[in-house]
Protein backbone atom coordinates (compact mmCIF):
# COMPACT_ATOMS: atom_id res chain seq x y z
CA MET A 1 -0.37 -0.57 -0.03
CA VAL A 2 2.79 2.33 0.53
CA PHE A 3 3.41 1.42 -2.99
CA LEU A 4 0.25 3.04 -4.48
CA VAL A 5 0.34 6.20 -2.22
CA LEU A 6 3.89 6.63 -3.73
CA LEU A 7 2.40 6.58 -6.69
CA LEU A 8 -0.27 8.47 -6.32
CA CYS A 9 1.69 11.24 -5.75
CA CYS A 10 4.34 10.68 -8.40
CA ALA A 11 1.31 12.25 -10.38
CA LEU A 12 -0.42 15.36 -8.41
CA GLY A 13 0.80 17.99 -11.88
CA LEU A 14 -2.52 16.36 -13.43
CA TYR A 15 -5.93 17.06 -13.00
CA PHE A 16 -6.39 13.79 -11.85
CA LEU A 17 -3.38 10.96 -10.66
CA TRP A 18 -2.87 8.12 -12.31
CA VAL A 19 0.39 6.96 -12.92
CA HIS A 20 -0.86 5.09 -16.15
CA TYR A 21 -1.25 8.12 -18.71
CA HIS A 22 1.38 9.76 -21.12
CA SER A 23 1.20 12.74 -22.95
CA ILE A 24 0.96 13.60 -26.60
CA GLU A 25 1.50 17.05 -28.16
CA PHE A 26 -1.16 17.89 -31.10
CA ASP A 27 -1.03 20.66 -32.98
CA HIS A 28 -4.56 21.99 -32.62
CA GLU A 29 -4.23 25.48 -34.66
CA GLY A 30 -7.60 26.49 -36.18
CA VAL A 31 -9.17 23.46 -34.16
CA ASN A 32 -10.22 25.61 -30.72
CA GLY A 33 -13.38 27.82 -30.79
CA HIS A 34 -15.79 24.74 -32.13
CA ASP A 35 -18.29 22.34 -30.03
CA PRO A 36 -17.20 19.35 -28.43
CA GLU A 37 -17.68 16.46 -30.60
CA THR A 38 -16.13 18.59 -33.60
CA GLU A 39 -13.34 19.70 -31.32
CA TRP A 40 -12.92 16.29 -30.32
CA ALA A 41 -12.73 15.34 -34.44
CA TRP A 42 -10.19 16.94 -35.02
CA PHE A 43 -7.87 14.95 -32.18
CA ARG A 44 -9.84 11.72 -33.47
CA TYR A 45 -7.32 10.57 -36.28
CA PHE A 46 -4.11 11.35 -34.32
CA LEU A 47 -5.00 9.75 -30.89
CA SER A 48 -5.90 6.55 -33.49
CA GLN A 49 -2.57 6.85 -34.34
CA HIS A 50 -1.37 6.37 -30.68
CA GLY A 51 -3.54 3.14 -30.47
CA LEU A 52 -6.41 5.16 -28.79
CA ALA A 53 -10.43 4.65 -30.04
CA LEU A 54 -12.73 7.62 -29.58
CA TYR A 55 -16.36 6.52 -27.75
CA ASP A 56 -18.07 6.39 -30.39
CA THR A 57 -15.95 5.86 -34.23
CA PRO A 58 -15.28 2.93 -36.11
CA GLU A 59 -11.56 2.40 -34.17
CA PHE A 60 -13.55 1.92 -30.80
CA SER A 61 -15.90 -0.75 -32.98
CA LYS A 62 -12.78 -2.97 -33.99
CA ALA A 63 -11.03 -2.46 -30.37
CA PRO A 64 -10.48 -5.78 -28.91
CA THR A 65 -11.90 -6.88 -25.87
CA ALA A 66 -10.75 -5.56 -22.78
CA PRO A 67 -8.70 -8.76 -20.57
CA ASP A 68 -10.89 -10.30 -17.78
CA ARG A 69 -8.54 -10.76 -15.33
CA CYS A 70 -7.37 -7.10 -13.14
CA ALA A 71 -4.22 -5.97 -12.28
CA MET A 72 -2.59 -7.24 -9.17
CA GLU A 73 -0.39 -4.17 -9.17
CA PRO A 74 -3.38 -1.69 -10.55
CA PHE A 75 -0.84 0.84 -11.85
CA HIS A 76 1.11 -0.97 -14.03
CA PRO A 77 -0.86 -3.82 -15.70
CA GLN A 78 0.28 -6.12 -17.39
CA GLU A 79 -0.71 -7.06 -21.17
CA ASP A 80 -3.51 -10.01 -20.68
CA GLU A 81 -4.34 -7.58 -16.92
CA ASN A 82 -7.57 -4.36 -17.06
CA PHE A 83 -6.91 -1.27 -14.81
CA VAL A 84 -9.76 -2.33 -13.27
CA PHE A 85 -12.28 -5.68 -11.98
CA ARG A 86 -15.49 -5.78 -13.69
CA VAL A 87 -18.60 -7.03 -12.08
CA VAL A 88 -20.09 -6.97 -15.54
CA PRO A 89 -18.06 -6.96 -18.74
CA CYS A 90 -19.21 -4.15 -20.52
CA ILE A 91 -18.32 0.12 -20.81
CA ARG A 92 -21.02 3.19 -20.14
CA ARG A 93 -21.52 5.81 -22.11
CA THR A 94 -19.73 8.96 -21.42
CA ALA A 95 -20.39 12.28 -22.96
CA PRO A 96 -17.68 14.00 -24.32
CA ASP A 97 -16.87 17.66 -23.36
CA ILE A 98 -13.94 20.27 -24.14
CA TRP A 99 -12.15 18.25 -22.36
CA THR A 100 -12.21 14.97 -21.94
CA HIS A 101 -13.66 11.79 -23.57
CA LEU A 102 -14.25 8.25 -23.13
CA ALA A 103 -11.15 5.83 -24.69
CA VAL A 104 -10.09 2.57 -25.53
CA ASP A 105 -7.00 1.82 -25.41
CA SER A 106 -4.57 -0.66 -27.62
CA MET A 107 -5.45 -3.88 -25.15
CA GLY A 108 -9.39 -2.68 -24.94
CA ARG A 109 -9.21 -1.16 -21.48
CA GLU A 110 -11.11 1.81 -20.96
CA VAL A 111 -9.46 5.22 -20.29
CA MET A 112 -10.52 8.39 -19.94
CA ILE A 113 -8.72 10.90 -22.39
CA LYS A 114 -8.06 14.58 -21.18
CA ALA A 115 -7.27 17.45 -23.15
CA VAL A 116 -4.85 20.38 -21.70
CA SER A 117 -4.36 23.47 -23.71
CA VAL A 118 -1.12 25.07 -23.65
CA ILE A 119 -1.94 28.57 -25.11
CA LEU A 120 1.55 29.73 -25.12
CA HIS A 121 2.51 26.98 -27.79
CA HIS A 122 -0.26 26.55 -29.26
CA GLN A 123 -1.02 22.36 -28.86
CA THR A 124 -2.98 20.42 -27.44
CA ALA A 125 -1.59 17.66 -24.29
CA PHE A 126 -3.46 14.79 -23.95
CA ILE A 127 -3.83 12.57 -20.85
CA VAL A 128 -4.29 9.30 -20.61
CA GLN A 129 -5.69 8.47 -17.45
CA ALA A 130 -6.96 4.56 -16.68
CA ARG A 131 -10.67 5.28 -15.82
CA TRP A 132 -11.85 3.46 -11.86
CA GLY A 133 -15.06 3.77 -10.82
CA ASN A 134 -16.93 5.29 -8.01
CA TRP A 135 -16.00 4.42 -4.72
CA SER A 136 -19.34 5.80 -2.44
CA PHE A 137 -21.53 3.89 -4.17
CA PHE A 138 -21.50 0.12 -2.33
CA PRO A 139 -24.79 -1.25 -1.24
CA ASP A 140 -23.10 -3.58 1.57
CA VAL A 141 -22.37 -2.28 4.65
CA PRO A 142 -19.42 -3.11 5.53
CA THR A 143 -17.63 -4.84 8.20
CA VAL A 144 -15.43 -2.73 10.77
CA ALA A 145 -12.30 -4.98 9.62
CA PHE A 146 -13.13 -3.65 5.48
CA TRP A 147 -13.82 -0.25 7.06
CA ALA A 148 -10.67 -0.15 9.21
CA GLY A 149 -8.72 -2.01 7.82
CA ILE A 150 -8.68 -1.54 4.56
CA GLU A 151 -11.19 1.98 3.46
CA MET A 152 -9.78 3.63 6.73
CA TYR A 153 -6.10 2.64 6.13
CA GLN A 154 -5.66 2.66 2.45
CA LEU A 155 -7.24 6.26 2.60
CA LEU A 156 -5.31 7.91 5.75
CA GLU A 157 -2.20 6.16 4.81
CA GLY A 158 -2.33 8.44 1.54
CA LEU A 159 -3.50 11.95 2.83
CA SER A 160 -0.34 11.10 5.30
CA PHE A 161 1.95 10.04 2.44
CA MET A 162 0.61 13.24 -0.10
CA HIS A 163 0.99 15.73 3.53
CA GLU A 164 4.71 14.52 4.06
CA HIS A 165 5.49 15.58 0.61
CA GLY A 166 4.00 19.24 1.37
CA ILE A 167 0.90 18.36 -1.07
CA ALA A 168 -2.57 19.23 1.02
CA HIS A 169 -5.40 18.36 -1.60
CA GLY A 170 -8.01 21.06 -0.78
CA ASP A 171 -11.15 18.77 -2.27
CA ILE A 172 -11.25 16.38 -0.69
CA HIS A 173 -14.98 14.51 -0.73
CA PRO A 174 -16.67 11.03 -1.65
CA GLY A 175 -16.98 12.08 -5.25
CA ASN A 176 -13.39 12.33 -5.28
CA ILE A 177 -12.16 9.01 -4.78
CA LEU A 178 -12.41 6.07 -6.65
CA CYS A 179 -11.67 2.49 -6.78
CA ASN A 180 -10.32 0.38 -8.95
CA SER A 181 -13.56 -1.32 -10.26
CA HIS A 182 -16.59 -0.88 -12.29
CA ASP A 183 -19.81 -2.02 -11.41
CA PHE A 184 -22.34 -0.64 -13.09
CA ARG A 185 -25.60 -2.80 -10.67
CA SER A 186 -28.15 -1.21 -9.04
CA SER A 187 -26.85 0.19 -5.56
CA SER A 188 -29.43 -1.10 -3.78
CA THR A 189 -27.74 -5.19 -5.36
CA SER A 190 -25.46 -7.22 -3.36
CA CYS A 191 -22.88 -9.40 -5.49
CA PRO A 192 -20.80 -11.41 -3.81
CA VAL A 193 -18.43 -11.59 -6.57
CA PHE A 194 -17.66 -7.64 -6.05
CA GLU A 195 -17.18 -7.86 -2.02
CA ASN A 196 -14.66 -11.17 -2.21
CA PHE A 197 -12.64 -8.60 -4.37
CA LYS A 198 -13.31 -5.81 -2.14
CA LEU A 199 -11.32 -7.92 0.55
CA SER A 200 -8.88 -9.28 -2.31
CA PRO A 201 -5.50 -7.61 -2.03
CA MET A 202 -6.05 -6.31 -5.77
CA PHE A 203 -8.34 -3.74 -4.32
CA ARG A 204 -6.85 0.43 -4.24
CA LEU A 205 -8.79 2.80 -3.47
CA ALA A 206 -7.60 6.23 -4.91
CA PHE A 207 -7.43 10.60 -5.01
CA ILE A 208 -8.46 12.26 -7.48
CA ASP A 209 -8.88 15.85 -8.37
CA PHE A 210 -5.70 18.13 -7.62
CA GLY A 211 -7.82 21.02 -9.00
CA ALA A 212 -7.49 22.53 -5.43
CA SER A 213 -4.39 21.38 -3.94
CA SER A 214 -1.11 23.41 -2.27
CA HIS A 215 2.43 22.49 -2.33
CA PHE A 216 4.43 23.87 0.04
CA ILE A 217 8.13 23.28 0.15
CA ARG A 218 9.11 22.53 3.76
CA PRO A 219 5.48 21.96 4.98
CA SER A 220 4.87 22.92 8.78
CA GLU A 221 1.73 23.13 11.03
CA SER A 222 2.13 26.59 10.52
CA CYS A 223 1.56 26.74 6.18
CA HIS A 224 -1.43 28.81 5.16
CA VAL A 225 -3.47 29.46 2.19
CA PRO A 226 -6.11 32.52 1.10
CA CYS A 227 -9.59 31.51 2.44
CA LEU A 228 -11.03 31.29 -0.91
CA ARG A 229 -15.18 30.71 -0.08
CA ASN A 230 -16.02 28.65 -3.90
CA THR A 231 -13.14 26.68 -3.76
CA GLY A 232 -13.23 23.38 -1.47
CA PRO A 233 -15.51 21.00 -0.30
CA PRO A 234 -18.89 20.64 -0.53
CA PRO A 235 -20.38 22.06 2.46
CA GLU A 236 -21.39 18.50 4.50
CA PHE A 237 -16.91 17.83 4.24
CA ARG A 238 -15.79 21.56 4.83
CA ALA A 239 -13.85 22.64 7.39
CA PRO A 240 -15.52 25.58 8.98
CA GLU A 241 -11.91 28.01 9.48
CA LEU A 242 -12.95 27.83 5.41
CA ASP A 243 -15.59 29.65 5.70
CA HIS A 244 -14.21 32.45 9.02
CA GLY A 245 -11.04 34.32 8.56
CA SER A 246 -8.67 34.96 5.86
CA SER A 247 -6.55 31.83 5.84
CA PHE A 248 -5.81 27.99 6.91
CA ASN A 249 -4.33 25.84 7.53
CA PRO A 250 -5.10 23.62 4.05
CA PHE A 251 -3.19 19.99 5.77
CA LEU A 252 -6.14 20.23 8.71
CA ALA A 253 -8.62 21.10 6.62
CA ASP A 254 -7.90 17.77 4.65
CA VAL A 255 -8.29 15.79 7.96
CA PHE A 256 -11.21 17.16 8.70
CA SER A 257 -12.69 16.23 4.95
CA LEU A 258 -11.62 13.10 5.61
CA GLY A 259 -13.11 12.17 9.06
CA CYS A 260 -15.93 13.89 7.74
CA VAL A 261 -16.01 11.06 4.65
CA PHE A 262 -15.54 8.32 7.05
CA SER A 263 -18.24 9.62 9.83
CA ARG A 264 -20.81 9.23 6.69
CA PHE A 265 -19.67 6.15 4.32
CA ASN A 266 -19.71 2.64 4.03
CA LEU A 267 -19.83 2.57 8.28
CA PRO A 268 -19.89 -0.44 9.32
CA LYS A 269 -23.55 -1.44 11.38
CA VAL A 270 -20.99 -0.43 14.93
CA VAL A 271 -18.37 2.02 15.28
CA PRO A 272 -15.96 0.85 18.44
CA VAL A 273 -15.48 3.19 20.22
CA GLY A 274 -11.72 3.27 19.67
CA TYR A 275 -12.44 5.05 15.66
CA GLN A 276 -15.27 6.83 16.94
CA HIS A 277 -12.74 8.52 19.31
CA LEU A 278 -10.35 9.59 16.75
CA ILE A 279 -13.18 10.17 13.68
CA ASP A 280 -14.25 13.14 16.49
CA ASP A 281 -10.32 13.59 16.89
CA MET A 282 -10.22 14.09 12.96
CA THR A 283 -13.87 16.93 12.77
CA ASN A 284 -13.08 18.98 16.30
CA PRO A 285 -13.92 22.01 14.60
CA ASP A 286 -10.74 23.84 16.24
CA PRO A 287 -8.41 22.65 13.49
CA ASP A 288 -5.28 23.57 16.31
CA ALA A 289 -7.57 20.04 18.43
CA ARG A 290 -7.20 18.38 15.63
CA PRO A 291 -4.90 15.44 14.61
CA ASN A 292 -2.15 15.38 11.66
CA ALA A 293 -2.81 12.90 9.06
CA HIS A 294 0.57 11.31 10.34
CA THR A 295 -1.29 10.92 13.44
CA ALA A 296 -4.17 10.00 12.97
CA PHE A 297 -2.76 7.26 10.58
CA GLU A 298 -0.83 5.82 13.51
CA CYS A 299 -3.60 5.75 15.75
CA LEU A 300 -4.92 4.26 13.18
CA ARG A 301 -2.70 1.43 12.30
CA ALA A 302 -2.61 1.22 16.59
CA LEU A 303 -5.88 0.56 16.64
CA ASN A 304 -6.43 -1.71 14.11
CA ASP A 305 -3.86 -3.95 15.77
CA GLU A 306 -6.07 -4.22 18.98
CA GLN A 307 -9.18 -4.81 17.21
CA LYS A 308 -7.77 -7.33 14.74
CA CYS A 309 -8.52 -10.96 16.54
CA PHE A 310 -11.89 -9.47 17.18
CA TRP A 311 -12.21 -8.79 13.30
CA GLY A 312 -12.94 -12.58 12.60
């Protein structure tokens, strides 16, 4: 899992963070200014030369069937492995906009292509990202072992690693957390196959969308950024200091947001007292009273060590 969070932070310069990405430059002189469908029509042939077939094109219909096997290391799949685990082997339509488009790569694996305009050079850089699935819509009530031992562990480990390297996310909420699965069933329908996958070593969670992130060369508890009321998490995941005062510590605000995620989504039937205390500390309205991400992660590790004998 340490390898996971290491790779997450390697791609923070991107709007989404995937380690499976590459950048392709395209001279777009005369392309901008059209509607999205026309814009992507210009890109279609160029991208096909790089083994990428846009959704709803002739190249797409000829693409090979994606591998059935999920990658043991989802950020570095082998040629016979998919980026994600699939319950149903199908692709969901994603309408193109000016910046993104659904496609498949040369192995038939779903990717999202992000077009980033480089204005000074009159070019477009295409960032190809593995397409993962939503994390926040699991239909089944998780066990404490899964909730604390996998979900909380991976997310706090990742947040701690980012903060130690001077990066504050700035917009943590369930919509910015994905898992390496495409699960197209009804959210009220259980699937034993998917439940087994979630407990396997292949299951991964990842933060995405670093558009509101901050990077400090020398991170410390005194780091502050200006309060911008129209950016950051939704109200239910938003640290109170973002809307009061002129500046705030983005690292401690991240801790608050992740604590709110833990308290609201995919909860077990009964939350053991120690974990509830940790969540209460993370969501303390006073930022100076909150633990930093590293301290919260170490507390979680200690709780998990104590609780494992009760997990069964």
